[in-house]
Amino acid sequence: MIQSIGIPGLIIILMIALILFGPSKLPQLGRAVGETIKEFKGSTKDVVDHVTEEFKIDDDNIEEKVK
């Protein structure tokens, strides 16, 4: 979906954001979006690590049962 926006679409979105929030609020908005994305990535990494660990434990238990 994002690939279909293109440069003209991004310019229009930025102009609308500038009109809605004003030039003084845009840096704060960008910072908040960046922190949100960073937190989301960290949370998804934690979930993936946890699931990977669970599968590793299950694989170890299966190998012990097979022996």
C-alpha atoms as a PDB file:
ATOM      1  CA  MET A   1       0.000   0.000   0.000  1.00  0.00           C
ATOM      2  CA  ILE A   2       2.753   2.466   0.864  1.00  0.00           C
ATOM      3  CA  GLN A   3       4.507   1.787  -2.446  1.00  0.00           C
ATOM      4  CA  SER A   4       1.479   3.079  -4.336  1.00  0.00           C
ATOM      5  CA  ILE A   5       1.481   6.513  -2.632  1.00  0.00           C
ATOM      6  CA  GLY A   6       4.433   7.969  -4.514  1.00  0.00           C
ATOM      7  CA  ILE A   7       6.124  11.347  -4.167  1.00  0.00           C
ATOM      8  CA  PRO A   8       3.077  13.507  -5.023  1.00  0.00           C
ATOM      9  CA  GLY A   9       1.004  11.666  -2.417  1.00  0.00           C
ATOM     10  CA  LEU A  10       3.672  12.158   0.240  1.00  0.00           C
ATOM     11  CA  ILE A  11       3.853  15.873  -0.534  1.00  0.00           C
ATOM     12  CA  ILE A  12       0.080  16.179  -0.179  1.00  0.00           C
ATOM     13  CA  ILE A  13       0.137  14.273   3.134  1.00  0.00           C
ATOM     14  CA  LEU A  14       2.915  16.512   4.469  1.00  0.00           C
ATOM     15  CA  MET A  15       1.049  19.661   3.407  1.00  0.00           C
ATOM     16  CA  ILE A  16      -2.121  18.467   5.165  1.00  0.00           C
ATOM     17  CA  ALA A  17      -0.120  17.648   8.309  1.00  0.00           C
ATOM     18  CA  LEU A  18       1.475  21.099   8.190  1.00  0.00           C
ATOM     19  CA  ILE A  19      -1.943  22.751   7.912  1.00  0.00           C
ATOM     20  CA  LEU A  20      -3.501  20.629  10.678  1.00  0.00           C
ATOM     21  CA  PHE A  21      -0.705  20.701  13.235  1.00  0.00           C
ATOM     22  CA  GLY A  22       1.299  23.804  12.333  1.00  0.00           C
ATOM     23  CA  PRO A  23       5.053  24.085  11.964  1.00  0.00           C
ATOM     24  CA  SER A  24       5.748  24.145  15.718  1.00  0.00           C
ATOM     25  CA  LYS A  25       4.023  20.810  16.416  1.00  0.00           C
ATOM     26  CA  LEU A  26       5.481  18.793  13.521  1.00  0.00           C
ATOM     27  CA  PRO A  27       8.830  18.015  15.240  1.00  0.00           C
ATOM     28  CA  GLN A  28       6.964  16.818  18.353  1.00  0.00           C
ATOM     29  CA  LEU A  29       4.650  14.720  16.209  1.00  0.00           C
ATOM     30  CA  GLY A  30       7.577  13.191  14.334  1.00  0.00           C
ATOM     31  CA  ARG A  31       9.361  12.406  17.589  1.00  0.00           C
ATOM     32  CA  ALA A  32       6.249  10.738  19.006  1.00  0.00           C
ATOM     33  CA  VAL A  33       5.803   8.632  15.856  1.00  0.00           C
ATOM     34  CA  GLY A  34       9.468   7.609  15.982  1.00  0.00           C
ATOM     35  CA  GLU A  35       9.256   6.590  19.633  1.00  0.00           C
ATOM     36  CA  THR A  36       6.074   4.632  18.946  1.00  0.00           C
ATOM     37  CA  ILE A  37       7.690   2.736  16.073  1.00  0.00           C
ATOM     38  CA  LYS A  38      10.792   2.051  18.195  1.00  0.00           C
ATOM     39  CA  GLU A  39       8.652   0.689  21.036  1.00  0.00           C
ATOM     40  CA  PHE A  40       6.603  -1.437  18.629  1.00  0.00           C
ATOM     41  CA  LYS A  41       9.740  -2.937  17.089  1.00  0.00           C
ATOM     42  CA  GLY A  42      11.135  -3.702  20.544  1.00  0.00           C
ATOM     43  CA  SER A  43       7.909  -5.377  21.616  1.00  0.00           C
ATOM     44  CA  THR A  44       7.675  -7.502  18.485  1.00  0.00           C
ATOM     45  CA  LYS A  45      11.317  -8.540  18.933  1.00  0.00           C
ATOM     46  CA  ASP A  46      10.543  -9.612  22.503  1.00  0.00           C
ATOM     47  CA  VAL A  47       7.561 -11.664  21.314  1.00  0.00           C
ATOM     48  CA  VAL A  48       9.578 -13.316  18.535  1.00  0.00           C
ATOM     49  CA  ASP A  49      12.406 -14.123  20.977  1.00  0.00           C
ATOM     50  CA  HIS A  50       9.927 -15.607  23.451  1.00  0.00           C
ATOM     51  CA  VAL A  51       8.232 -17.767  20.814  1.00  0.00           C
ATOM     52  CA  THR A  52      11.600 -18.883  19.439  1.00  0.00           C
ATOM     53  CA  GLU A  53      12.704 -19.824  22.954  1.00  0.00           C
ATOM     54  CA  GLU A  54       9.493 -21.815  23.501  1.00  0.00           C
ATOM     55  CA  PHE A  55      10.032 -23.749  20.276  1.00  0.00           C
ATOM     56  CA  LYS A  56      13.644 -24.436  21.266  1.00  0.00           C
ATOM     57  CA  ILE A  57      12.496 -25.807  24.637  1.00  0.00           C
ATOM     58  CA  ASP A  58       9.867 -27.974  22.911  1.00  0.00           C
ATOM     59  CA  ASP A  59      12.483 -29.288  20.459  1.00  0.00           C
ATOM     60  CA  ASP A  60      14.828 -30.150  23.345  1.00  0.00           C
ATOM     61  CA  ASN A  61      12.012 -32.021  25.143  1.00  0.00           C
ATOM     62  CA  ILE A  62      11.139 -33.961  21.990  1.00  0.00           C
ATOM     63  CA  GLU A  63      14.782 -34.937  21.452  1.00  0.00           C
ATOM     64  CA  GLU A  64      15.011 -36.174  25.070  1.00  0.00           C
ATOM     65  CA  LYS A  65      11.846 -38.264  24.651  1.00  0.00           C
ATOM     66  CA  VAL A  66      13.130 -39.805  21.413  1.00  0.00           C
ATOM     67  CA  LYS A  67      16.407 -40.930  23.034  1.00  0.00           C
END
